[in-house]
């Protein structure tokens, strides 16, 4: 499973495609140069229960660690994942 990433320096997204069709998405916005705000996550009903949402959050954590930035998860789903996954706390703002 490959989570893809796009960013224009102001906003970005992590997403998952099946046969070239986007099926899962998590969007974020930059808040300054050292923080991103996760504002939305959605997963197609056909993929529910497969952990795709968790994989999107995991990709954002890897990105934050690589770029030495912090994450503010305003999206309720992402916030719930951060509460469950204590090992992600180093990336929280």
N, C-alpha and C. Protein backbone atom coordinates (compact mmCIF):
# COMPACT_ATOMS: atom_id res chain seq x y z
N UNK A 1 0.84 -1.17 0.00
CA UNK A 1 0.00 0.00 0.00
C UNK A 1 0.89 1.24 0.00
N UNK A 2 0.65 2.13 -0.94
CA UNK A 2 1.46 3.34 -1.05
C UNK A 2 0.61 4.57 -0.75
N UNK A 3 0.98 5.27 0.31
CA UNK A 3 0.35 6.55 0.62
C UNK A 3 1.14 7.62 -0.14
N UNK A 4 0.46 8.40 -0.92
CA UNK A 4 1.11 9.45 -1.71
C UNK A 4 0.98 10.79 -1.00
N UNK A 5 1.84 11.73 -1.39
CA UNK A 5 1.86 13.05 -0.75
C UNK A 5 2.04 14.13 -1.80
N UNK A 6 1.30 15.20 -1.64
CA UNK A 6 1.47 16.39 -2.48
C UNK A 6 1.46 17.60 -1.56
N UNK A 7 2.28 18.60 -1.89
CA UNK A 7 2.32 19.84 -1.12
C UNK A 7 2.69 20.99 -2.04
N UNK A 8 2.06 22.14 -1.81
CA UNK A 8 2.43 23.33 -2.58
C UNK A 8 3.11 24.37 -1.69
N UNK A 9 3.50 23.97 -0.49
CA UNK A 9 4.16 24.88 0.43
C UNK A 9 3.20 25.61 1.36
N UNK A 10 1.94 25.68 0.99
CA UNK A 10 0.90 26.29 1.83
C UNK A 10 -0.06 25.24 2.37
N UNK A 11 -0.43 24.34 1.48
CA UNK A 11 -1.36 23.26 1.81
C UNK A 11 -0.80 21.96 1.25
N UNK A 12 -1.31 20.86 1.77
CA UNK A 12 -0.87 19.58 1.28
C UNK A 12 -1.89 18.50 1.56
N UNK A 13 -1.57 17.33 1.08
CA UNK A 13 -2.46 16.20 1.31
C UNK A 13 -1.70 14.90 1.20
N UNK A 14 -2.16 13.94 1.98
CA UNK A 14 -1.72 12.56 1.89
C UNK A 14 -2.93 11.80 1.34
N UNK A 15 -2.69 10.89 0.41
CA UNK A 15 -3.84 10.21 -0.19
C UNK A 15 -3.46 8.80 -0.65
N UNK A 16 -4.50 8.02 -0.87
CA UNK A 16 -4.35 6.64 -1.29
C UNK A 16 -5.25 6.42 -2.50
N UNK A 17 -4.70 5.80 -3.53
CA UNK A 17 -5.45 5.54 -4.76
C UNK A 17 -5.59 4.04 -4.99
N UNK A 18 -6.71 3.68 -5.60
CA UNK A 18 -6.94 2.31 -6.05
C UNK A 18 -7.24 2.40 -7.54
N UNK A 19 -6.41 1.78 -8.35
CA UNK A 19 -6.56 1.81 -9.81
C UNK A 19 -6.69 3.24 -10.33
N UNK A 20 -5.87 4.14 -9.80
CA UNK A 20 -5.85 5.52 -10.26
C UNK A 20 -6.97 6.40 -9.73
N UNK A 21 -7.81 5.86 -8.86
CA UNK A 21 -8.92 6.62 -8.29
C UNK A 21 -8.62 6.89 -6.81
N UNK A 22 -8.68 8.15 -6.42
CA UNK A 22 -8.43 8.51 -5.02
C UNK A 22 -9.53 7.95 -4.14
N UNK A 23 -9.13 7.17 -3.12
CA UNK A 23 -10.09 6.52 -2.23
C UNK A 23 -9.97 6.97 -0.78
N UNK A 24 -8.85 7.63 -0.44
CA UNK A 24 -8.66 8.10 0.93
C UNK A 24 -7.82 9.37 0.87
N UNK A 25 -8.11 10.29 1.79
CA UNK A 25 -7.49 11.61 1.74
C UNK A 25 -7.37 12.21 3.13
N UNK A 26 -6.24 12.84 3.39
CA UNK A 26 -6.07 13.64 4.60
C UNK A 26 -5.41 14.94 4.18
N UNK A 27 -6.03 16.08 4.51
CA UNK A 27 -5.51 17.37 4.10
C UNK A 27 -4.92 18.13 5.29
N UNK A 28 -3.99 19.02 4.96
CA UNK A 28 -3.38 19.86 5.99
C UNK A 28 -3.01 21.21 5.40
N UNK A 29 -2.78 22.16 6.30
CA UNK A 29 -2.31 23.49 5.93
C UNK A 29 -1.09 23.80 6.78
N UNK A 30 -0.16 24.54 6.20
CA UNK A 30 0.99 25.01 6.98
C UNK A 30 0.56 26.18 7.85
N UNK A 31 1.08 26.23 9.06
CA UNK A 31 0.90 27.35 9.98
C UNK A 31 2.31 27.81 10.32
N UNK A 32 2.83 28.73 9.54
CA UNK A 32 4.23 29.11 9.67
C UNK A 32 5.09 28.07 8.98
N UNK A 33 6.36 28.09 9.29
CA UNK A 33 7.28 27.17 8.62
C UNK A 33 7.55 25.90 9.42
N UNK A 34 7.02 25.85 10.65
CA UNK A 34 7.37 24.73 11.52
C UNK A 34 6.18 23.91 12.02
N UNK A 35 5.01 24.09 11.40
CA UNK A 35 3.83 23.39 11.90
C UNK A 35 2.84 23.16 10.76
N UNK A 36 2.19 21.98 10.79
CA UNK A 36 1.06 21.73 9.90
C UNK A 36 -0.17 21.45 10.73
N UNK A 37 -1.31 21.82 10.18
CA UNK A 37 -2.60 21.59 10.83
C UNK A 37 -3.37 20.59 9.98
N UNK A 38 -3.62 19.41 10.54
CA UNK A 38 -4.44 18.42 9.84
C UNK A 38 -5.89 18.82 10.05
N UNK A 39 -6.59 19.06 8.94
CA UNK A 39 -7.95 19.57 9.05
C UNK A 39 -9.04 18.63 8.54
N UNK A 40 -8.67 17.59 7.82
CA UNK A 40 -9.72 16.72 7.28
C UNK A 40 -9.14 15.36 6.91
N UNK A 41 -9.91 14.32 7.21
CA UNK A 41 -9.56 12.96 6.80
C UNK A 41 -10.83 12.28 6.32
N UNK A 42 -10.74 11.61 5.18
CA UNK A 42 -11.88 10.82 4.73
C UNK A 42 -11.38 9.58 4.01
N UNK A 43 -12.14 8.50 4.21
CA UNK A 43 -11.81 7.20 3.60
C UNK A 43 -13.08 6.67 2.95
N UNK A 44 -12.97 6.25 1.71
CA UNK A 44 -14.10 5.68 0.99
C UNK A 44 -14.67 4.49 1.77
N UNK A 45 -15.98 4.35 1.74
CA UNK A 45 -16.65 3.28 2.47
C UNK A 45 -16.13 1.90 2.09
N UNK A 46 -15.68 1.74 0.86
CA UNK A 46 -15.17 0.44 0.41
C UNK A 46 -13.88 0.03 1.13
N UNK A 47 -13.22 0.99 1.77
CA UNK A 47 -11.95 0.71 2.47
C UNK A 47 -12.07 0.76 3.98
N UNK A 48 -13.25 1.06 4.49
CA UNK A 48 -13.42 1.19 5.94
C UNK A 48 -13.01 -0.11 6.64
N UNK A 49 -12.39 0.06 7.79
CA UNK A 49 -11.96 -1.09 8.58
C UNK A 49 -10.63 -1.69 8.18
N UNK A 50 -9.97 -1.09 7.19
CA UNK A 50 -8.69 -1.62 6.71
C UNK A 50 -7.48 -0.84 7.24
N UNK A 51 -7.73 0.15 8.09
CA UNK A 51 -6.62 0.90 8.68
C UNK A 51 -6.02 1.96 7.78
N UNK A 52 -6.71 2.32 6.72
CA UNK A 52 -6.18 3.31 5.78
C UNK A 52 -6.06 4.68 6.45
N UNK A 53 -7.05 5.05 7.25
CA UNK A 53 -6.98 6.33 7.96
C UNK A 53 -5.75 6.40 8.86
N UNK A 54 -5.45 5.31 9.54
CA UNK A 54 -4.26 5.25 10.38
C UNK A 54 -2.99 5.42 9.55
N UNK A 55 -2.98 4.81 8.37
CA UNK A 55 -1.82 4.92 7.48
C UNK A 55 -1.62 6.36 7.02
N UNK A 56 -2.70 7.09 6.80
CA UNK A 56 -2.58 8.50 6.42
C UNK A 56 -1.94 9.30 7.54
N UNK A 57 -2.40 9.06 8.77
CA UNK A 57 -1.82 9.76 9.93
C UNK A 57 -0.36 9.37 10.10
N UNK A 58 -0.06 8.09 9.95
CA UNK A 58 1.32 7.62 10.06
C UNK A 58 2.22 8.33 9.04
N UNK A 59 1.71 8.51 7.82
CA UNK A 59 2.49 9.21 6.79
C UNK A 59 2.75 10.65 7.18
N UNK A 60 1.77 11.29 7.82
CA UNK A 60 1.98 12.68 8.26
C UNK A 60 3.02 12.75 9.37
N UNK A 61 3.04 11.77 10.24
CA UNK A 61 4.03 11.72 11.32
C UNK A 61 5.43 11.53 10.74
N UNK A 62 5.57 10.63 9.78
CA UNK A 62 6.87 10.43 9.14
C UNK A 62 7.33 11.72 8.44
N UNK A 63 6.41 12.39 7.79
CA UNK A 63 6.72 13.65 7.12
C UNK A 63 7.18 14.70 8.13
N UNK A 64 6.45 14.82 9.24
CA UNK A 64 6.80 15.80 10.27
C UNK A 64 8.18 15.51 10.87
N UNK A 65 8.45 14.26 11.12
CA UNK A 65 9.76 13.91 11.67
C UNK A 65 10.87 14.22 10.68
N UNK A 66 10.64 13.91 9.43
CA UNK A 66 11.64 14.16 8.39
C UNK A 66 11.91 15.65 8.22
N UNK A 67 10.87 16.46 8.30
CA UNK A 67 10.99 17.91 8.08
C UNK A 67 11.23 18.69 9.37
N UNK A 68 11.24 18.00 10.51
CA UNK A 68 11.44 18.63 11.83
C UNK A 68 10.38 19.71 12.08
N UNK A 69 9.12 19.30 11.86
CA UNK A 69 7.99 20.20 12.12
C UNK A 69 7.03 19.50 13.07
N UNK A 70 6.05 20.25 13.54
CA UNK A 70 5.06 19.73 14.48
C UNK A 70 3.69 19.65 13.79
N UNK A 71 2.79 18.88 14.41
CA UNK A 71 1.45 18.66 13.88
C UNK A 71 0.41 19.10 14.90
N UNK A 72 -0.58 19.82 14.43
CA UNK A 72 -1.76 20.17 15.23
C UNK A 72 -2.94 19.46 14.56
N UNK A 73 -3.43 18.36 15.17
CA UNK A 73 -4.52 17.60 14.55
C UNK A 73 -5.89 18.16 14.93
N UNK A 74 -6.44 19.02 14.10
CA UNK A 74 -7.78 19.56 14.35
C UNK A 74 -8.87 18.63 13.85
N UNK A 75 -8.56 17.80 12.89
CA UNK A 75 -9.51 16.81 12.39
C UNK A 75 -9.81 15.82 13.54
N UNK A 76 -11.09 15.57 13.82
CA UNK A 76 -11.42 14.66 14.93
C UNK A 76 -10.81 13.26 14.80
N UNK A 77 -10.79 12.73 13.59
CA UNK A 77 -10.20 11.40 13.41
C UNK A 77 -8.71 11.42 13.73
N UNK A 78 -7.99 12.37 13.15
CA UNK A 78 -6.54 12.45 13.38
C UNK A 78 -6.26 12.68 14.86
N UNK A 79 -7.04 13.53 15.51
CA UNK A 79 -6.85 13.79 16.94
C UNK A 79 -7.03 12.51 17.75
N UNK A 80 -8.01 11.69 17.37
CA UNK A 80 -8.25 10.42 18.08
C UNK A 80 -7.08 9.46 17.88
N UNK A 81 -6.51 9.43 16.69
CA UNK A 81 -5.35 8.57 16.43
C UNK A 81 -4.17 9.01 17.29
N UNK A 82 -3.94 10.31 17.37
CA UNK A 82 -2.82 10.81 18.19
C UNK A 82 -3.02 10.46 19.66
N UNK A 83 -4.27 10.44 20.13
CA UNK A 83 -4.52 10.07 21.53
C UNK A 83 -4.20 8.60 21.76
N UNK A 84 -4.49 7.76 20.78
CA UNK A 84 -4.25 6.32 20.91
C UNK A 84 -2.78 5.96 20.72
N UNK A 85 -2.10 6.68 19.86
CA UNK A 85 -0.72 6.34 19.49
C UNK A 85 0.26 7.27 20.21
N UNK A 86 0.58 6.95 21.44
CA UNK A 86 1.48 7.77 22.24
C UNK A 86 2.85 7.96 21.57
N UNK A 87 3.24 7.00 20.74
CA UNK A 87 4.54 7.08 20.09
C UNK A 87 4.61 8.22 19.06
N UNK A 88 3.48 8.86 18.77
CA UNK A 88 3.46 9.99 17.85
C UNK A 88 3.59 11.33 18.57
N UNK A 89 3.60 11.30 19.91
CA UNK A 89 3.57 12.54 20.70
C UNK A 89 4.74 13.48 20.40
N UNK A 90 5.85 12.96 19.92
CA UNK A 90 7.00 13.82 19.64
C UNK A 90 6.71 14.79 18.50
N UNK A 91 5.68 14.52 17.72
CA UNK A 91 5.35 15.40 16.60
C UNK A 91 4.22 16.37 16.91
N UNK A 92 3.60 16.22 18.06
CA UNK A 92 2.46 17.10 18.41
C UNK A 92 2.90 18.51 18.76
N UNK A 93 2.09 19.45 18.36
CA UNK A 93 2.32 20.85 18.70
C UNK A 93 1.64 21.14 20.02
